[in-house]
């Protein structure tokens, strides 16, 4: 059996918050696992947290691909430390 409901997704752009209502058929066990792992009391909060985490992981993977293609080379750690300290 699947839960049917309305999930509100919050999209934050500058200071304006847009909400999107989504109707999705998602297996009960998946929703319950997401609620448990995110320690959320509502389905909306659980799915919002899970989606944000997924996007963060995706972005990290994409960044890792870019770094592999063009690795960062540090020849002089002293110079970088001085730049960091001056900021």
PDB file of N, CA and C in Angstrom:
ATOM      1  N   UNK A   1       0.845  -1.181   0.000  1.00  0.00           N
ATOM      2  CA  UNK A   1       0.000   0.000   0.000  1.00  0.00           C
ATOM      3  C   UNK A   1       0.888   1.242   0.000  1.00  0.00           C
ATOM      4  N   UNK A   2       0.512   2.256  -0.712  1.00  0.00           N
ATOM      5  CA  UNK A   2       1.285   3.488  -0.822  1.00  0.00           C
ATOM      6  C   UNK A   2       0.536   4.640  -0.178  1.00  0.00           C
ATOM      7  N   UNK A   3       1.297   5.566   0.368  1.00  0.00           N
ATOM      8  CA  UNK A   3       0.698   6.772   0.925  1.00  0.00           C
ATOM      9  C   UNK A   3       0.413   7.737  -0.210  1.00  0.00           C
ATOM     10  N   UNK A   4      -0.725   8.363  -0.145  1.00  0.00           N
ATOM     11  CA  UNK A   4      -1.039   9.416  -1.106  1.00  0.00           C
ATOM     12  C   UNK A   4      -1.215  10.693  -0.316  1.00  0.00           C
ATOM     13  N   UNK A   5      -0.622  11.731  -0.772  1.00  0.00           N
ATOM     14  CA  UNK A   5      -0.738  12.992  -0.067  1.00  0.00           C
ATOM     15  C   UNK A   5      -0.160  14.108  -0.891  1.00  0.00           C
ATOM     16  N   UNK A   6      -0.136  15.250  -0.308  1.00  0.00           N
ATOM     17  CA  UNK A   6       0.413  16.415  -0.969  1.00  0.00           C
ATOM     18  C   UNK A   6       1.711  16.762  -0.276  1.00  0.00           C
ATOM     19  N   UNK A   7       2.751  16.846  -1.038  1.00  0.00           N
ATOM     20  CA  UNK A   7       4.069  17.190  -0.526  1.00  0.00           C
ATOM     21  C   UNK A   7       4.366  18.613  -0.960  1.00  0.00           C
ATOM     22  N   UNK A   8       4.756  19.449  -0.030  1.00  0.00           N
ATOM     23  CA  UNK A   8       5.097  20.820  -0.357  1.00  0.00           C
ATOM     24  C   UNK A   8       6.612  20.931  -0.439  1.00  0.00           C
ATOM     25  N   UNK A   9       7.100  21.366  -1.571  1.00  0.00           N
ATOM     26  CA  UNK A   9       8.532  21.546  -1.780  1.00  0.00           C
ATOM     27  C   UNK A   9       8.804  23.037  -1.734  1.00  0.00           C
ATOM     28  N   UNK A  10       9.742  23.454  -0.901  1.00  0.00           N
ATOM     29  CA  UNK A  10      10.087  24.868  -0.767  1.00  0.00           C
ATOM     30  C   UNK A  10      11.282  25.173  -1.658  1.00  0.00           C
ATOM     31  N   UNK A  11      11.122  26.114  -2.555  1.00  0.00           N
ATOM     32  CA  UNK A  11      12.210  26.572  -3.398  1.00  0.00           C
ATOM     33  C   UNK A  11      12.557  27.987  -2.969  1.00  0.00           C
ATOM     34  N   UNK A  12      13.791  28.205  -2.554  1.00  0.00           N
ATOM     35  CA  UNK A  12      14.196  29.497  -2.037  1.00  0.00           C
ATOM     36  C   UNK A  12      15.008  30.238  -3.098  1.00  0.00           C
ATOM     37  N   UNK A  13      14.520  31.379  -3.539  1.00  0.00           N
ATOM     38  CA  UNK A  13      15.217  32.208  -4.505  1.00  0.00           C
ATOM     39  C   UNK A  13      15.304  33.611  -3.917  1.00  0.00           C
ATOM     40  N   UNK A  14      16.530  34.080  -3.706  1.00  0.00           N
ATOM     41  CA  UNK A  14      16.774  35.351  -3.028  1.00  0.00           C
ATOM     42  C   UNK A  14      16.013  35.343  -1.701  1.00  0.00           C
ATOM     43  N   UNK A  15      15.056  36.221  -1.534  1.00  0.00           N
ATOM     44  CA  UNK A  15      14.300  36.234  -0.289  1.00  0.00           C
ATOM     45  C   UNK A  15      12.849  35.801  -0.500  1.00  0.00           C
ATOM     46  N   UNK A  16      12.510  35.407  -1.717  1.00  0.00           N
ATOM     47  CA  UNK A  16      11.149  34.991  -2.013  1.00  0.00           C
ATOM     48  C   UNK A  16      11.067  33.478  -1.927  1.00  0.00           C
ATOM     49  N   UNK A  17      10.053  32.978  -1.220  1.00  0.00           N
ATOM     50  CA  UNK A  17       9.904  31.541  -1.108  1.00  0.00           C
ATOM     51  C   UNK A  17       8.738  31.090  -1.970  1.00  0.00           C
ATOM     52  N   UNK A  18       9.025  30.169  -2.866  1.00  0.00           N
ATOM     53  CA  UNK A  18       7.993  29.595  -3.706  1.00  0.00           C
ATOM     54  C   UNK A  18       7.726  28.180  -3.203  1.00  0.00           C
ATOM     55  N   UNK A  19       6.477  27.798  -3.195  1.00  0.00           N
ATOM     56  CA  UNK A  19       6.117  26.452  -2.771  1.00  0.00           C
ATOM     57  C   UNK A  19       5.456  25.736  -3.925  1.00  0.00           C
ATOM     58  N   UNK A  20       5.771  24.476  -4.054  1.00  0.00           N
ATOM     59  CA  UNK A  20       5.209  23.677  -5.115  1.00  0.00           C
ATOM     60  C   UNK A  20       4.473  22.501  -4.482  1.00  0.00           C
ATOM     61  N   UNK A  21       3.228  22.318  -4.829  1.00  0.00           N
ATOM     62  CA  UNK A  21       2.486  21.167  -4.342  1.00  0.00           C
ATOM     63  C   UNK A  21       2.699  20.026  -5.320  1.00  0.00           C
ATOM     64  N   UNK A  22       3.031  18.866  -4.767  1.00  0.00           N
ATOM     65  CA  UNK A  22       3.308  17.697  -5.584  1.00  0.00           C
ATOM     66  C   UNK A  22       2.512  16.530  -5.030  1.00  0.00           C
ATOM     67  N   UNK A  23       1.834  15.834  -5.893  1.00  0.00           N
ATOM     68  CA  UNK A  23       1.169  14.605  -5.490  1.00  0.00           C
ATOM     69  C   UNK A  23       2.010  13.455  -6.015  1.00  0.00           C
ATOM     70  N   UNK A  24       2.433  12.583  -5.121  1.00  0.00           N
ATOM     71  CA  UNK A  24       3.302  11.477  -5.525  1.00  0.00           C
ATOM     72  C   UNK A  24       2.854  10.196  -4.841  1.00  0.00           C
ATOM     73  N   UNK A  25       2.973   9.113  -5.556  1.00  0.00           N
ATOM     74  CA  UNK A  25       2.690   7.811  -4.980  1.00  0.00           C
ATOM     75  C   UNK A  25       4.036   7.197  -4.614  1.00  0.00           C
ATOM     76  N   UNK A  26       4.275   7.092  -3.312  1.00  0.00           N
ATOM     77  CA  UNK A  26       5.557   6.615  -2.801  1.00  0.00           C
ATOM     78  C   UNK A  26       5.271   5.475  -1.824  1.00  0.00           C
ATOM     79  N   UNK A  27       6.058   4.426  -1.917  1.00  0.00           N
ATOM     80  CA  UNK A  27       5.868   3.270  -1.048  1.00  0.00           C
ATOM     81  C   UNK A  27       5.960   3.673   0.423  1.00  0.00           C
ATOM     82  N   UNK A  28       5.069   3.099   1.236  1.00  0.00           N
ATOM     83  CA  UNK A  28       5.032   3.402   2.675  1.00  0.00           C
ATOM     84  C   UNK A  28       6.380   3.177   3.344  1.00  0.00           C
ATOM     85  N   UNK A  29       7.026   2.045   3.040  1.00  0.00           N
ATOM     86  CA  UNK A  29       8.285   1.746   3.716  1.00  0.00           C
ATOM     87  C   UNK A  29       9.366   2.762   3.379  1.00  0.00           C
ATOM     88  N   UNK A  30       9.379   3.255   2.146  1.00  0.00           N
ATOM     89  CA  UNK A  30      10.353   4.281   1.767  1.00  0.00           C
ATOM     90  C   UNK A  30      10.092   5.581   2.514  1.00  0.00           C
ATOM     91  N   UNK A  31       8.842   6.007   2.575  1.00  0.00           N
ATOM     92  CA  UNK A  31       8.488   7.243   3.292  1.00  0.00           C
ATOM     93  C   UNK A  31       8.818   7.096   4.773  1.00  0.00           C
ATOM     94  N   UNK A  32       8.478   5.955   5.357  1.00  0.00           N
ATOM     95  CA  UNK A  32       8.771   5.742   6.779  1.00  0.00           C
ATOM     96  C   UNK A  32      10.265   5.718   7.056  1.00  0.00           C
ATOM     97  N   UNK A  33      11.051   5.109   6.154  1.00  0.00           N
ATOM     98  CA  UNK A  33      12.511   5.117   6.323  1.00  0.00           C
ATOM     99  C   UNK A  33      13.064   6.532   6.245  1.00  0.00           C
ATOM    100  N   UNK A  34      12.573   7.314   5.296  1.00  0.00           N
ATOM    101  CA  UNK A  34      13.042   8.701   5.157  1.00  0.00           C
ATOM    102  C   UNK A  34      12.674   9.493   6.405  1.00  0.00           C
ATOM    103  N   UNK A  35      11.460   9.311   6.918  1.00  0.00           N
ATOM    104  CA  UNK A  35      11.055  10.012   8.140  1.00  0.00           C
ATOM    105  C   UNK A  35      11.944   9.606   9.311  1.00  0.00           C
ATOM    106  N   UNK A  36      12.277   8.319   9.386  1.00  0.00           N
ATOM    107  CA  UNK A  36      13.127   7.831  10.482  1.00  0.00           C
ATOM    108  C   UNK A  36      14.536   8.396  10.362  1.00  0.00           C
ATOM    109  N   UNK A  37      15.127   8.283   9.172  1.00  0.00           N
ATOM    110  CA  UNK A  37      16.519   8.714   8.982  1.00  0.00           C
ATOM    111  C   UNK A  37      16.684  10.220   9.118  1.00  0.00           C
ATOM    112  N   UNK A  38      15.668  10.984   8.734  1.00  0.00           N
ATOM    113  CA  UNK A  38      15.765  12.443   8.843  1.00  0.00           C
ATOM    114  C   UNK A  38      15.268  12.946  10.198  1.00  0.00           C
ATOM    115  N   UNK A  39      14.723  12.032  11.000  1.00  0.00           N
ATOM    116  CA  UNK A  39      14.164  12.374  12.320  1.00  0.00           C
ATOM    117  C   UNK A  39      13.084  13.454  12.188  1.00  0.00           C
ATOM    118  N   UNK A  40      12.277  13.317  11.152  1.00  0.00           N
ATOM    119  CA  UNK A  40      11.209  14.288  10.882  1.00  0.00           C
ATOM    120  C   UNK A  40       9.875  13.743  11.360  1.00  0.00           C
ATOM    121  N   UNK A  41       9.018  14.658  11.757  1.00  0.00           N
ATOM    122  CA  UNK A  41       7.691  14.242  12.204  1.00  0.00           C
ATOM    123  C   UNK A  41       6.669  14.306  11.078  1.00  0.00           C
ATOM    124  N   UNK A  42       6.993  15.024  10.004  1.00  0.00           N
ATOM    125  CA  UNK A  42       6.053  15.129   8.886  1.00  0.00           C
ATOM    126  C   UNK A  42       6.707  14.625   7.607  1.00  0.00           C
ATOM    127  N   UNK A  43       5.876  14.171   6.689  1.00  0.00           N
ATOM    128  CA  UNK A  43       6.355  13.702   5.392  1.00  0.00           C
ATOM    129  C   UNK A  43       7.003  14.851   4.626  1.00  0.00           C
ATOM    130  N   UNK A  44       6.392  16.022   4.676  1.00  0.00           N
ATOM    131  CA  UNK A  44       6.929  17.186   3.959  1.00  0.00           C
ATOM    132  C   UNK A  44       8.342  17.513   4.421  1.00  0.00           C
ATOM    133  N   UNK A  45       8.524  17.580   5.723  1.00  0.00           N
ATOM    134  CA  UNK A  45       9.850  17.887   6.263  1.00  0.00           C
ATOM    135  C   UNK A  45      10.855  16.803   5.882  1.00  0.00           C
ATOM    136  N   UNK A  46      10.453  15.554   5.979  1.00  0.00           N
ATOM    137  CA  UNK A  46      11.350  14.443   5.664  1.00  0.00           C
ATOM    138  C   UNK A  46      11.790  14.477   4.210  1.00  0.00           C
ATOM    139  N   UNK A  47      10.844  14.679   3.308  1.00  0.00           N
ATOM    140  CA  UNK A  47      11.182  14.698   1.886  1.00  0.00           C
ATOM    141  C   UNK A  47      12.008  15.930   1.540  1.00  0.00           C
ATOM    142  N   UNK A  48      11.727  17.058   2.158  1.00  0.00           N
ATOM    143  CA  UNK A  48      12.517  18.270   1.926  1.00  0.00           C
ATOM    144  C   UNK A  48      13.959  18.052   2.352  1.00  0.00           C
ATOM    145  N   UNK A  49      14.162  17.484   3.524  1.00  0.00           N
ATOM    146  CA  UNK A  49      15.525  17.208   4.013  1.00  0.00           C
ATOM    147  C   UNK A  49      16.227  16.222   3.089  1.00  0.00           C
ATOM    148  N   UNK A  50      15.521  15.149   2.721  1.00  0.00           N
ATOM    149  CA  UNK A  50      16.120  14.131   1.860  1.00  0.00           C
ATOM    150  C   UNK A  50      16.495  14.706   0.497  1.00  0.00           C
ATOM    151  N   UNK A  51      15.630  15.535  -0.073  1.00  0.00           N
ATOM    152  CA  UNK A  51      15.939  16.135  -1.373  1.00  0.00           C
ATOM    153  C   UNK A  51      17.114  17.101  -1.282  1.00  0.00           C
ATOM    154  N   UNK A  52      17.167  17.900  -0.224  1.00  0.00           N
ATOM    155  CA  UNK A  52      18.306  18.814  -0.050  1.00  0.00           C
ATOM    156  C   UNK A  52      19.597  18.031   0.083  1.00  0.00           C
ATOM    157  N   UNK A  53      19.575  16.948   0.869  1.00  0.00           N
ATOM    158  CA  UNK A  53      20.771  16.124   1.024  1.00  0.00           C
ATOM    159  C   UNK A  53      21.186  15.501  -0.303  1.00  0.00           C
ATOM    160  N   UNK A  54      20.199  15.029  -1.080  1.00  0.00           N
ATOM    161  CA  UNK A  54      20.498  14.426  -2.372  1.00  0.00           C
ATOM    162  C   UNK A  54      21.139  15.450  -3.305  1.00  0.00           C
ATOM    163  N   UNK A  55      20.599  16.657  -3.347  1.00  0.00           N
ATOM    164  CA  UNK A  55      21.162  17.707  -4.202  1.00  0.00           C
ATOM    165  C   UNK A  55      22.586  18.043  -3.757  1.00  0.00           C
ATOM    166  N   UNK A  56      22.816  18.123  -2.448  1.00  0.00           N
ATOM    167  CA  UNK A  56      24.168  18.395  -1.945  1.00  0.00           C
ATOM    168  C   UNK A  56      25.144  17.304  -2.382  1.00  0.00           C
ATOM    169  N   UNK A  57      24.735  16.043  -2.252  1.00  0.00           N
ATOM    170  CA  UNK A  57      25.599  14.928  -2.663  1.00  0.00           C
ATOM    171  C   UNK A  57      25.857  14.982  -4.164  1.00  0.00           C
ATOM    172  N   UNK A  58      24.820  15.261  -4.947  1.00  0.00           N
ATOM    173  CA  UNK A  58      24.979  15.376  -6.394  1.00  0.00           C
ATOM    174  C   UNK A  58      25.987  16.473  -6.733  1.00  0.00           C
ATOM    175  N   UNK A  59      25.851  17.637  -6.092  1.00  0.00           N
ATOM    176  CA  UNK A  59      26.767  18.756  -6.356  1.00  0.00           C
ATOM    177  C   UNK A  59      28.199  18.409  -5.981  1.00  0.00           C
ATOM    178  N   UNK A  60      28.384  17.690  -4.891  1.00  0.00           N
ATOM    179  CA  UNK A  60      29.733  17.268  -4.486  1.00  0.00           C
ATOM    180  C   UNK A  60      30.321  16.329  -5.529  1.00  0.00           C
ATOM    181  N   UNK A  61      29.514  15.397  -6.020  1.00  0.00           N
ATOM    182  CA  UNK A  61      30.003  14.468  -7.054  1.00  0.00           C
ATOM    183  C   UNK A  61      30.391  15.220  -8.321  1.00  0.00           C
ATOM    184  N   UNK A  62      29.584  16.198  -8.724  1.00  0.00           N
ATOM    185  CA  UNK A  62      29.900  16.989  -9.913  1.00  0.00           C
ATOM    186  C   UNK A  62      31.187  17.791  -9.707  1.00  0.00           C
ATOM    187  N   UNK A  63      31.346  18.365  -8.526  1.00  0.00           N
ATOM    188  CA  UNK A  63      32.570  19.106  -8.214  1.00  0.00           C
ATOM    189  C   UNK A  63      33.784  18.181  -8.238  1.00  0.00           C
ATOM    190  N   UNK A  64      33.632  16.971  -7.694  1.00  0.00           N
ATOM    191  CA  UNK A  64      34.732  16.000  -7.724  1.00  0.00           C
ATOM    192  C   UNK A  64      35.129  15.651  -9.150  1.00  0.00           C
ATOM    193  N   UNK A  65      34.144  15.537 -10.060  1.00  0.00           N
ATOM    194  CA  UNK A  65      34.446  15.269 -11.466  1.00  0.00           C
ATOM    195  C   UNK A  65      35.269  16.403 -12.066  1.00  0.00           C
ATOM    196  N   UNK A  66      34.901  17.644 -11.732  1.00  0.00           N
ATOM    197  CA  UNK A  66      35.644  18.801 -12.254  1.00  0.00           C
ATOM    198  C   UNK A  66      37.061  18.831 -11.691  1.00  0.00           C
ATOM    199  N   UNK A  67      37.206  18.506 -10.420  1.00  0.00           N
ATOM    200  CA  UNK A  67      38.533  18.517  -9.799  1.00  0.00           C
ATOM    201  C   UNK A  67      39.411  17.427 -10.394  1.00  0.00           C
ATOM    202  N   UNK A  68      38.819  16.263 -10.704  1.00  0.00           N
ATOM    203  CA  UNK A  68      39.593  15.182 -11.324  1.00  0.00           C
ATOM    204  C   UNK A  68      40.093  15.619 -12.699  1.00  0.00           C
ATOM    205  N   UNK A  69      39.261  16.351 -13.445  1.00  0.00           N
ATOM    206  CA  UNK A  69      39.656  16.820 -14.777  1.00  0.00           C
ATOM    207  C   UNK A  69      40.713  17.916 -14.689  1.00  0.00           C
ATOM    208  N   UNK A  70      40.655  18.727 -13.656  1.00  0.00           N
ATOM    209  CA  UNK A  70      41.592  19.836 -13.498  1.00  0.00           C
ATOM    210  C   UNK A  70      42.009  19.903 -12.031  1.00  0.00           C
ATOM    211  N   UNK A  71      42.919  19.012 -11.612  1.00  0.00           N
ATOM    212  CA  UNK A  71      43.291  18.939 -10.198  1.00  0.00           C
ATOM    213  C   UNK A  71      43.918  20.237  -9.683  1.00  0.00           C
ATOM    214  N   UNK A  72      43.679  20.487  -8.427  1.00  0.00           N
ATOM    215  CA  UNK A  72      44.268  21.647  -7.765  1.00  0.00           C
ATOM    216  C   UNK A  72      45.706  21.297  -7.410  1.00  0.00           C
ATOM    217  N   UNK A  73      46.611  22.166  -7.776  1.00  0.00           N
ATOM    218  CA  UNK A  73      48.023  21.947  -7.486  1.00  0.00           C
ATOM    219  C   UNK A  73      48.503  23.040  -6.534  1.00  0.00           C
ATOM    220  N   UNK A  74      49.015  22.620  -5.404  1.00  0.00           N
ATOM    221  CA  UNK A  74      49.527  23.577  -4.416  1.00  0.00           C
ATOM    222  C   UNK A  74      51.040  23.387  -4.349  1.00  0.00           C
ATOM    223  N   UNK A  75      51.756  24.363  -4.902  1.00  0.00           N
ATOM    224  CA  UNK A  75      53.204  24.296  -4.908  1.00  0.00           C
ATOM    225  C   UNK A  75      53.802  24.936  -3.662  1.00  0.00           C
ATOM    226  N   UNK A  76      53.080  25.938  -3.132  1.00  0.00           N
ATOM    227  CA  UNK A  76      53.630  26.671  -2.012  1.00  0.00           C
ATOM    228  C   UNK A  76      52.523  26.886  -0.980  1.00  0.00           C
ATOM    229  N   UNK A  77      52.480  26.049   0.031  1.00  0.00           N
ATOM    230  CA  UNK A  77      51.461  26.155   1.067  1.00  0.00           C
ATOM    231  C   UNK A  77      51.576  27.442   1.866  1.00  0.00           C
ATOM    232  N   UNK A  78      52.787  27.969   2.002  1.00  0.00           N
ATOM    233  CA  UNK A  78      53.002  29.207   2.760  1.00  0.00           C
ATOM    234  C   UNK A  78      52.235  30.367   2.132  1.00  0.00           C
ATOM    235  N   UNK A  79      52.258  30.457   0.811  1.00  0.00           N
ATOM    236  CA  UNK A  79      51.569  31.540   0.105  1.00  0.00           C
ATOM    237  C   UNK A  79      50.054  31.452   0.348  1.00  0.00           C
ATOM    238  N   UNK A  80      49.490  30.269   0.317  1.00  0.00           N
ATOM    239  CA  UNK A  80      48.062  30.097   0.554  1.00  0.00           C
ATOM    240  C   UNK A  80      47.703  30.465   1.990  1.00  0.00           C
ATOM    241  N   UNK A  81      48.548  30.063   2.944  1.00  0.00           N
ATOM    242  CA  UNK A  81      48.290  30.428   4.343  1.00  0.00           C
ATOM    243  C   UNK A  81      48.281  31.938   4.524  1.00  0.00           C
ATOM    244  N   UNK A  82      49.181  32.633   3.878  1.00  0.00           N
ATOM    245  CA  UNK A  82      49.229  34.089   3.984  1.00  0.00           C
ATOM    246  C   UNK A  82      47.984  34.736   3.388  1.00  0.00           C
ATOM    247  N   UNK A  83      47.521  34.203   2.264  1.00  0.00           N
ATOM    248  CA  UNK A  83      46.295  34.731   1.660  1.00  0.00           C
ATOM    249  C   UNK A  83      45.119  34.506   2.606  1.00  0.00           C
ATOM    250  N   UNK A  84      45.003  33.314   3.162  1.00  0.00           N
ATOM    251  CA  UNK A  84      43.906  33.024   4.078  1.00  0.00           C
ATOM    252  C   UNK A  84      43.937  33.909   5.313  1.00  0.00           C
ATOM    253  N   UNK A  85      45.120  34.160   5.822  1.00  0.00           N
ATOM    254  CA  UNK A  85      45.245  34.990   7.032  1.00  0.00           C
ATOM    255  C   UNK A  85      44.925  36.459   6.762  1.00  0.00           C
ATOM    256  N   UNK A  86      45.093  36.889   5.511  1.00  0.00           N
ATOM    257  CA  UNK A  86      44.855  38.292   5.183  1.00  0.00           C
ATOM    258  C   UNK A  86      43.366  38.576   4.921  1.00  0.00           C
ATOM    259  N   UNK A  87      42.589  37.542   4.803  1.00  0.00           N
ATOM    260  CA  UNK A  87      41.156  37.730   4.508  1.00  0.00           C
ATOM    261  C   UNK A  87      40.382  37.988   5.772  1.00  0.00           C
TER     262      UNK A  87
END
